[in-house]
Amino acid sequence: MGTMPLPAYSNSVEKWQNGRTSSAASVSPLFPVTPAEQTPPVGDFDPEVDAFLTRYPFVVRLLKESDEPIGRIFGDQIILSVRVETDPDVEDGEYLVIAFRTTLPADQAQAQFDAFGTAWWRKNVPRAQGKLRFTLELVSPEVSRRLKGYEQLVQSIYVLASQEARRHGLTLYKIDIRPAWSHESDEHTGVVIDLEVKATADERFAYWDAVCERVSQLEAALSPEEQRFLGDDMALLVSRS
């Protein structure tokens, strides 16, 4: 399973549509950057997803077309989980799942998901031939409890983590959020954001420093309560694949 922010998803689809002949496909116009930031968001699908798209290339066009409505409705704050699943009761029952993973409140997330269905997905379902599904995945109830009132703060950190991966030319494979263990933060209220990047040890440390610097800049604009949550109840981990 691959988990990636929307810019990396867009770039991976772009590379597939262009025949994967270049490791630096052009950036989706949904995410313009300044001339000083023209390193593309590096993002590749997992080998299992690559193999699936090789078998069913018509899905690639649908993924490309989904880029615009996803960006318009969810913005680049959305995190996408891309995986292959199989229905054992159906012959040739494998299909691709694009799951929208969000920390937003359930009613707000569902409203966005319904808007995506109305705007684009429902009318394109027949073209998918049963090989593509979109779903909504909310964080666990325990994480939701701990995040209550701070959902937008976490989404902002998701975005800046994605932006810094793009700036450093790194593949951001996964962004997950989970309850903190006792040695990481308060085990009753704390949360941990796990970032997994494809990088050397030196690149990982440079990325970690850059993300921490961005978080420090963000902190200055937060309310006192958000600053307390960021300092006391949130931990950030960066690992390399």
C-alpha atoms as a PDB file:
ATOM      1  CA  MET A   1       0.000   0.000   0.000  1.00  0.00           C
ATOM      2  CA  GLY A   2       1.218   3.490  -0.825  1.00  0.00           C
ATOM      3  CA  THR A   3       0.137   6.600   1.045  1.00  0.00           C
ATOM      4  CA  MET A   4       0.907   9.947  -0.518  1.00  0.00           C
ATOM      5  CA  PRO A   5      -0.204  13.570  -0.581  1.00  0.00           C
ATOM      6  CA  LEU A   6      -2.100  14.741  -3.628  1.00  0.00           C
ATOM      7  CA  PRO A   7       0.868  16.371  -5.443  1.00  0.00           C
ATOM      8  CA  ALA A   8       2.811  13.080  -5.340  1.00  0.00           C
ATOM      9  CA  TYR A   9      -0.265  11.189  -6.541  1.00  0.00           C
ATOM     10  CA  SER A  10      -0.640  13.662  -9.409  1.00  0.00           C
ATOM     11  CA  ASN A  11       3.003  13.273 -10.359  1.00  0.00           C
ATOM     12  CA  SER A  12       2.841   9.465 -10.297  1.00  0.00           C
ATOM     13  CA  VAL A  13      -0.198   9.463 -12.573  1.00  0.00           C
ATOM     14  CA  GLU A  14       1.519  11.959 -14.878  1.00  0.00           C
ATOM     15  CA  LYS A  15       4.530   9.668 -15.171  1.00  0.00           C
ATOM     16  CA  TRP A  16       2.311   6.735 -16.033  1.00  0.00           C
ATOM     17  CA  GLN A  17       0.414   8.704 -18.659  1.00  0.00           C
ATOM     18  CA  ASN A  18       3.710   9.748 -20.236  1.00  0.00           C
ATOM     19  CA  GLY A  19       4.862   6.150 -20.450  1.00  0.00           C
ATOM     20  CA  ARG A  20       7.098   6.432 -17.386  1.00  0.00           C
ATOM     21  CA  THR A  21       9.948   7.503 -19.651  1.00  0.00           C
ATOM     22  CA  SER A  22      11.144  10.198 -17.300  1.00  0.00           C
ATOM     23  CA  SER A  23      11.760  10.200 -13.579  1.00  0.00           C
ATOM     24  CA  ALA A  24      10.953  13.902 -13.452  1.00  0.00           C
ATOM     25  CA  ALA A  25       7.558  14.416 -15.004  1.00  0.00           C
ATOM     26  CA  SER A  26       6.085  17.879 -15.146  1.00  0.00           C
ATOM     27  CA  VAL A  27       4.221  19.193 -12.130  1.00  0.00           C
ATOM     28  CA  SER A  28       0.441  19.172 -12.283  1.00  0.00           C
ATOM     29  CA  PRO A  29      -0.920  22.657 -12.998  1.00  0.00           C
ATOM     30  CA  LEU A  30      -3.003  22.315  -9.834  1.00  0.00           C
ATOM     31  CA  PHE A  31       0.177  22.901  -7.835  1.00  0.00           C
ATOM     32  CA  PRO A  32       2.136  25.784  -9.411  1.00  0.00           C
ATOM     33  CA  VAL A  33       5.503  26.631  -7.891  1.00  0.00           C
ATOM     34  CA  THR A  34       7.810  29.567  -8.151  1.00  0.00           C
ATOM     35  CA  PRO A  35      10.914  29.310 -10.393  1.00  0.00           C
ATOM     36  CA  ALA A  36      13.019  28.690  -7.291  1.00  0.00           C
ATOM     37  CA  GLU A  37      10.845  25.694  -6.371  1.00  0.00           C
ATOM     38  CA  GLN A  38      10.638  23.811  -9.649  1.00  0.00           C
ATOM     39  CA  THR A  39      11.738  20.446  -8.306  1.00  0.00           C
ATOM     40  CA  PRO A  40       8.768  18.205  -9.118  1.00  0.00           C
ATOM     41  CA  PRO A  41       6.941  16.304  -6.375  1.00  0.00           C
ATOM     42  CA  VAL A  42       8.554  12.885  -6.625  1.00  0.00           C
ATOM     43  CA  GLY A  43       6.074  10.095  -6.151  1.00  0.00           C
ATOM     44  CA  ASP A  44       5.944   6.524  -7.413  1.00  0.00           C
ATOM     45  CA  PHE A  45       3.275   3.919  -6.863  1.00  0.00           C
ATOM     46  CA  ASP A  46       4.055   0.661  -5.093  1.00  0.00           C
ATOM     47  CA  PRO A  47       5.167  -2.241  -7.336  1.00  0.00           C
ATOM     48  CA  GLU A  48       1.806  -3.946  -6.831  1.00  0.00           C
ATOM     49  CA  VAL A  49      -0.002  -0.846  -8.088  1.00  0.00           C
ATOM     50  CA  ASP A  50       2.433  -0.525 -10.999  1.00  0.00           C
ATOM     51  CA  ALA A  51       1.707  -4.105 -12.010  1.00  0.00           C
ATOM     52  CA  PHE A  52      -2.042  -3.518 -11.777  1.00  0.00           C
ATOM     53  CA  LEU A  53      -1.858  -0.434 -14.007  1.00  0.00           C
ATOM     54  CA  THR A  54       0.180  -2.408 -16.525  1.00  0.00           C
ATOM     55  CA  ARG A  55      -2.607  -4.981 -16.716  1.00  0.00           C
ATOM     56  CA  TYR A  56      -5.388  -2.372 -16.848  1.00  0.00           C
ATOM     57  CA  PRO A  57      -3.975   0.728 -18.572  1.00  0.00           C
ATOM     58  CA  PHE A  58      -7.434   2.244 -19.085  1.00  0.00           C
ATOM     59  CA  VAL A  59      -7.464   2.969 -15.333  1.00  0.00           C
ATOM     60  CA  VAL A  60      -4.553   5.387 -15.792  1.00  0.00           C
ATOM     61  CA  ARG A  61      -6.700   7.784 -17.831  1.00  0.00           C
ATOM     62  CA  LEU A  62      -9.345   7.784 -15.105  1.00  0.00           C
ATOM     63  CA  LEU A  63      -6.714   8.499 -12.461  1.00  0.00           C
ATOM     64  CA  LYS A  64      -5.436  11.402 -14.531  1.00  0.00           C
ATOM     65  CA  GLU A  65      -8.928  12.807 -15.002  1.00  0.00           C
ATOM     66  CA  SER A  66      -9.653  12.467 -11.281  1.00  0.00           C
ATOM     67  CA  ASP A  67      -6.744  14.783 -10.473  1.00  0.00           C
ATOM     68  CA  GLU A  68      -8.628  18.006 -11.180  1.00  0.00           C
ATOM     69  CA  PRO A  69     -11.840  17.297  -9.220  1.00  0.00           C
ATOM     70  CA  ILE A  70      -9.869  15.899  -6.286  1.00  0.00           C
ATOM     71  CA  GLY A  71      -7.732  19.011  -6.126  1.00  0.00           C
ATOM     72  CA  ARG A  72     -10.690  21.340  -6.578  1.00  0.00           C
ATOM     73  CA  ILE A  73     -12.865  19.710  -3.909  1.00  0.00           C
ATOM     74  CA  PHE A  74     -10.332  18.478  -1.345  1.00  0.00           C
ATOM     75  CA  GLY A  75      -7.369  20.754  -2.051  1.00  0.00           C
ATOM     76  CA  ASP A  76      -3.799  19.567  -1.572  1.00  0.00           C
ATOM     77  CA  GLN A  77      -4.523  18.852   2.093  1.00  0.00           C
ATOM     78  CA  ILE A  78      -5.905  15.430   1.243  1.00  0.00           C
ATOM     79  CA  ILE A  79      -3.789  12.305   1.716  1.00  0.00           C
ATOM     80  CA  LEU A  80      -4.404   9.412  -0.666  1.00  0.00           C
ATOM     81  CA  SER A  81      -3.912   5.726   0.064  1.00  0.00           C
ATOM     82  CA  VAL A  82      -3.426   3.788  -3.194  1.00  0.00           C
ATOM     83  CA  ARG A  83      -3.673   0.008  -2.995  1.00  0.00           C
ATOM     84  CA  VAL A  84      -4.809  -3.096  -4.853  1.00  0.00           C
ATOM     85  CA  GLU A  85      -7.537  -5.254  -3.309  1.00  0.00           C
ATOM     86  CA  THR A  86      -9.131  -8.495  -4.471  1.00  0.00           C
ATOM     87  CA  ASP A  87     -12.631  -9.914  -4.136  1.00  0.00           C
ATOM     88  CA  PRO A  88     -12.022 -13.676  -3.747  1.00  0.00           C
ATOM     89  CA  ASP A  89     -15.600 -14.478  -4.739  1.00  0.00           C
ATOM     90  CA  VAL A  90     -15.282 -12.845  -8.172  1.00  0.00           C
ATOM     91  CA  GLU A  91     -13.232 -14.136 -11.088  1.00  0.00           C
ATOM     92  CA  ASP A  92     -10.561 -11.596 -11.995  1.00  0.00           C
ATOM     93  CA  GLY A  93     -11.741  -9.712  -8.910  1.00  0.00           C
ATOM     94  CA  GLU A  94      -8.809  -7.372  -8.341  1.00  0.00           C
ATOM     95  CA  TYR A  95      -9.392  -3.620  -8.325  1.00  0.00           C
ATOM     96  CA  LEU A  96      -7.583  -0.428  -7.380  1.00  0.00           C
ATOM     97  CA  VAL A  97      -8.684   1.508  -4.304  1.00  0.00           C
ATOM     98  CA  ILE A  98      -8.016   5.225  -3.906  1.00  0.00           C
ATOM     99  CA  ALA A  99      -8.832   6.073  -0.292  1.00  0.00           C
ATOM    100  CA  PHE A 100      -9.151   9.677   0.838  1.00  0.00           C
ATOM    101  CA  ARG A 101      -7.544   9.800   4.284  1.00  0.00           C
ATOM    102  CA  THR A 102      -8.408  12.855   6.335  1.00  0.00           C
ATOM    103  CA  THR A 103      -8.387  14.206   9.867  1.00  0.00           C
ATOM    104  CA  LEU A 104     -11.376  16.458   9.155  1.00  0.00           C
ATOM    105  CA  PRO A 105     -14.597  15.936  11.153  1.00  0.00           C
ATOM    106  CA  ALA A 106     -16.704  13.110   9.725  1.00  0.00           C
ATOM    107  CA  ASP A 107     -19.550  15.300   8.466  1.00  0.00           C
ATOM    108  CA  GLN A 108     -17.197  17.697   6.676  1.00  0.00           C
ATOM    109  CA  ALA A 109     -15.174  14.857   5.140  1.00  0.00           C
ATOM    110  CA  GLN A 110     -18.332  13.058   3.986  1.00  0.00           C
ATOM    111  CA  ALA A 111     -19.657  16.258   2.406  1.00  0.00           C
ATOM    112  CA  GLN A 112     -16.439  16.621   0.391  1.00  0.00           C
ATOM    113  CA  PHE A 113     -16.533  12.966  -0.626  1.00  0.00           C
ATOM    114  CA  ASP A 114     -20.169  13.271  -1.748  1.00  0.00           C
ATOM    115  CA  ALA A 115     -19.288  16.393  -3.733  1.00  0.00           C
ATOM    116  CA  PHE A 116     -16.529  14.475  -5.515  1.00  0.00           C
ATOM    117  CA  GLY A 117     -19.004  11.741  -6.394  1.00  0.00           C
ATOM    118  CA  THR A 118     -21.531  14.218  -7.742  1.00  0.00           C
ATOM    119  CA  ALA A 119     -19.006  16.289  -9.666  1.00  0.00           C
ATOM    120  CA  TRP A 120     -17.064  13.485 -11.352  1.00  0.00           C
ATOM    121  CA  TRP A 121     -16.994   9.924 -10.070  1.00  0.00           C
ATOM    122  CA  ARG A 122     -20.602   8.751 -10.460  1.00  0.00           C
ATOM    123  CA  LYS A 123     -20.759   9.559 -14.150  1.00  0.00           C
ATOM    124  CA  ASN A 124     -17.429   7.818 -14.739  1.00  0.00           C
ATOM    125  CA  VAL A 125     -18.136   4.616 -12.805  1.00  0.00           C
ATOM    126  CA  PRO A 126     -19.049   2.633 -15.979  1.00  0.00           C
ATOM    127  CA  ARG A 127     -15.687   3.492 -17.553  1.00  0.00           C
ATOM    128  CA  ALA A 128     -13.878   1.917 -14.616  1.00  0.00           C
ATOM    129  CA  GLN A 129     -15.250  -1.547 -15.495  1.00  0.00           C
ATOM    130  CA  GLY A 130     -15.175  -2.483 -11.826  1.00  0.00           C
ATOM    131  CA  LYS A 131     -11.422  -1.909 -11.610  1.00  0.00           C
ATOM    132  CA  LEU A 132     -11.384   1.356  -9.657  1.00  0.00           C
ATOM    133  CA  ARG A 133     -13.014   2.414  -6.406  1.00  0.00           C
ATOM    134  CA  PHE A 134     -12.824   5.562  -4.308  1.00  0.00           C
ATOM    135  CA  THR A 135     -13.409   5.410  -0.561  1.00  0.00           C
ATOM    136  CA  LEU A 136     -13.221   7.691   2.464  1.00  0.00           C
ATOM    137  CA  GLU A 137     -11.039   6.734   5.432  1.00  0.00           C
ATOM    138  CA  LEU A 138     -11.251   8.712   8.643  1.00  0.00           C
ATOM    139  CA  VAL A 139      -8.625   8.431  11.343  1.00  0.00           C
ATOM    140  CA  SER A 140      -9.318   6.051  14.227  1.00  0.00           C
ATOM    141  CA  PRO A 141     -11.878   7.052  16.877  1.00  0.00           C
ATOM    142  CA  GLU A 142      -9.108   7.375  19.456  1.00  0.00           C
ATOM    143  CA  VAL A 143      -7.070   9.679  17.228  1.00  0.00           C
ATOM    144  CA  SER A 144     -10.221  11.653  16.403  1.00  0.00           C
ATOM    145  CA  ARG A 145     -10.862  12.122  20.127  1.00  0.00           C
ATOM    146  CA  ARG A 146      -7.350  13.390  20.714  1.00  0.00           C
ATOM    147  CA  LEU A 147      -7.431  15.662  17.668  1.00  0.00           C
ATOM    148  CA  LYS A 148     -10.797  17.238  18.383  1.00  0.00           C
ATOM    149  CA  GLY A 149     -10.480  20.960  17.727  1.00  0.00           C
ATOM    150  CA  TYR A 150      -7.034  20.619  16.132  1.00  0.00           C
ATOM    151  CA  GLU A 151      -7.922  18.907  12.847  1.00  0.00           C
ATOM    152  CA  GLN A 152      -6.992  21.886  10.684  1.00  0.00           C
ATOM    153  CA  LEU A 153      -3.635  22.202  12.451  1.00  0.00           C
ATOM    154  CA  VAL A 154      -2.768  18.608  11.579  1.00  0.00           C
ATOM    155  CA  GLN A 155      -3.914  19.105   7.988  1.00  0.00           C
ATOM    156  CA  SER A 156      -1.589  22.119   7.783  1.00  0.00           C
ATOM    157  CA  ILE A 157       1.326  19.976   8.941  1.00  0.00           C
ATOM    158  CA  TYR A 158       0.417  17.370   6.319  1.00  0.00           C
ATOM    159  CA  VAL A 159       0.631  20.068   3.652  1.00  0.00           C
ATOM    160  CA  LEU A 160       3.953  21.532   4.753  1.00  0.00           C
ATOM    161  CA  ALA A 161       5.465  18.034   5.055  1.00  0.00           C
ATOM    162  CA  SER A 162       4.410  17.379   1.468  1.00  0.00           C
ATOM    163  CA  GLN A 163       5.776  20.713   0.300  1.00  0.00           C
ATOM    164  CA  GLU A 164       9.153  20.109   1.923  1.00  0.00           C
ATOM    165  CA  ALA A 165       9.405  16.624   0.396  1.00  0.00           C
ATOM    166  CA  ARG A 166       8.775  18.195  -2.999  1.00  0.00           C
ATOM    167  CA  ARG A 167      11.310  20.946  -2.335  1.00  0.00           C
ATOM    168  CA  HIS A 168      13.966  18.359  -1.429  1.00  0.00           C
ATOM    169  CA  GLY A 169      13.116  16.039  -4.338  1.00  0.00           C
ATOM    170  CA  LEU A 170      12.143  13.182  -2.014  1.00  0.00           C
ATOM    171  CA  THR A 171       9.459  10.536  -2.313  1.00  0.00           C
ATOM    172  CA  LEU A 172       7.026  10.855   0.599  1.00  0.00           C
ATOM    173  CA  TYR A 173       5.685   7.316   0.803  1.00  0.00           C
ATOM    174  CA  LYS A 174       3.495   7.557   3.836  1.00  0.00           C
ATOM    175  CA  ILE A 175       1.894  10.027   6.214  1.00  0.00           C
ATOM    176  CA  ASP A 176       0.158   8.387   9.144  1.00  0.00           C
ATOM    177  CA  ILE A 177      -1.165   9.629  12.436  1.00  0.00           C
ATOM    178  CA  ARG A 178      -1.602   7.471  15.532  1.00  0.00           C
ATOM    179  CA  PRO A 179      -1.976   7.761  19.304  1.00  0.00           C
ATOM    180  CA  ALA A 180       1.310   8.411  21.109  1.00  0.00           C
ATOM    181  CA  TRP A 181       3.005   5.766  23.195  1.00  0.00           C
ATOM    182  CA  SER A 182       3.941   6.666  26.745  1.00  0.00           C
ATOM    183  CA  HIS A 183       7.619   7.348  25.934  1.00  0.00           C
ATOM    184  CA  GLU A 184       6.713   9.684  23.017  1.00  0.00           C
ATOM    185  CA  SER A 185       4.146  12.020  24.559  1.00  0.00           C
ATOM    186  CA  ASP A 186       1.210  11.965  26.923  1.00  0.00           C
ATOM    187  CA  GLU A 187      -0.254   8.518  26.309  1.00  0.00           C
ATOM    188  CA  HIS A 188      -3.794   9.789  26.948  1.00  0.00           C
ATOM    189  CA  THR A 189      -3.810  12.914  24.778  1.00  0.00           C
ATOM    190  CA  GLY A 190      -0.743  12.806  22.532  1.00  0.00           C
ATOM    191  CA  VAL A 191      -0.576  11.972  18.832  1.00  0.00           C
ATOM    192  CA  VAL A 192       2.340  11.098  16.559  1.00  0.00           C
ATOM    193  CA  ILE A 193       2.620  11.999  12.880  1.00  0.00           C
ATOM    194  CA  ASP A 194       4.802   9.448  11.059  1.00  0.00           C
ATOM    195  CA  LEU A 195       6.433  10.540   7.802  1.00  0.00           C
ATOM    196  CA  GLU A 196       8.170   7.886   5.678  1.00  0.00           C
ATOM    197  CA  VAL A 197      10.472   9.120   2.929  1.00  0.00           C
ATOM    198  CA  LYS A 198      12.683   7.469   0.350  1.00  0.00           C
ATOM    199  CA  ALA A 199      15.998   9.093   1.221  1.00  0.00           C
ATOM    200  CA  THR A 200      19.545   8.595   2.363  1.00  0.00           C
ATOM    201  CA  ALA A 201      20.341   9.189   6.012  1.00  0.00           C
ATOM    202  CA  ASP A 202      21.693  12.670   5.263  1.00  0.00           C
ATOM    203  CA  GLU A 203      18.657  13.533   3.133  1.00  0.00           C
ATOM    204  CA  ARG A 204      16.344  12.355   5.893  1.00  0.00           C
ATOM    205  CA  PHE A 205      18.032  14.602   8.469  1.00  0.00           C
ATOM    206  CA  ALA A 206      17.935  17.579   6.074  1.00  0.00           C
ATOM    207  CA  TYR A 207      14.248  16.936   5.465  1.00  0.00           C
ATOM    208  CA  TRP A 208      13.589  16.608   9.207  1.00  0.00           C
ATOM    209  CA  ASP A 209      15.306  19.957   9.862  1.00  0.00           C
ATOM    210  CA  ALA A 210      13.313  21.637   7.094  1.00  0.00           C
ATOM    211  CA  VAL A 211       9.986  20.299   8.354  1.00  0.00           C
ATOM    212  CA  CYS A 212      10.790  21.339  11.926  1.00  0.00           C
ATOM    213  CA  GLU A 213      11.681  24.827  10.698  1.00  0.00           C
ATOM    214  CA  ARG A 214       8.369  25.088   8.853  1.00  0.00           C
ATOM    215  CA  VAL A 215       6.490  23.896  11.927  1.00  0.00           C
ATOM    216  CA  SER A 216       8.254  26.564  14.011  1.00  0.00           C
ATOM    217  CA  GLN A 217       7.189  29.212  11.499  1.00  0.00           C
ATOM    218  CA  LEU A 218       3.632  27.889  11.611  1.00  0.00           C
ATOM    219  CA  GLU A 219       3.600  28.018  15.408  1.00  0.00           C
ATOM    220  CA  ALA A 220       3.959  31.793  15.431  1.00  0.00           C
ATOM    221  CA  ALA A 221       0.574  32.147  13.732  1.00  0.00           C
ATOM    222  CA  LEU A 222      -1.292  29.735  16.022  1.00  0.00           C
ATOM    223  CA  SER A 223      -3.544  30.465  18.952  1.00  0.00           C
ATOM    224  CA  PRO A 224      -2.109  29.853  22.454  1.00  0.00           C
ATOM    225  CA  GLU A 225      -4.141  26.645  22.764  1.00  0.00           C
ATOM    226  CA  GLU A 226      -2.912  25.371  19.393  1.00  0.00           C
ATOM    227  CA  GLN A 227       0.645  26.227  20.402  1.00  0.00           C
ATOM    228  CA  ARG A 228       0.178  24.219  23.595  1.00  0.00           C
ATOM    229  CA  PHE A 229      -1.140  21.221  21.664  1.00  0.00           C
ATOM    230  CA  LEU A 230       1.715  21.432  19.164  1.00  0.00           C
ATOM    231  CA  GLY A 231       4.328  21.652  21.905  1.00  0.00           C
ATOM    232  CA  ASP A 232       2.897  19.200  24.436  1.00  0.00           C
ATOM    233  CA  ASP A 233       0.721  16.677  22.619  1.00  0.00           C
ATOM    234  CA  MET A 234       2.111  16.275  19.116  1.00  0.00           C
ATOM    235  CA  ALA A 235       5.279  14.456  18.044  1.00  0.00           C
ATOM    236  CA  LEU A 236       6.727  14.228  14.547  1.00  0.00           C
ATOM    237  CA  LEU A 237       8.773  11.252  13.342  1.00  0.00           C
ATOM    238  CA  VAL A 238      10.609  10.858  10.029  1.00  0.00           C
ATOM    239  CA  SER A 239      11.752   7.419   8.901  1.00  0.00           C
ATOM    240  CA  ARG A 240      13.273   6.306   5.605  1.00  0.00           C
ATOM    241  CA  SER A 241      12.133   3.381   3.498  1.00  0.00           C
END
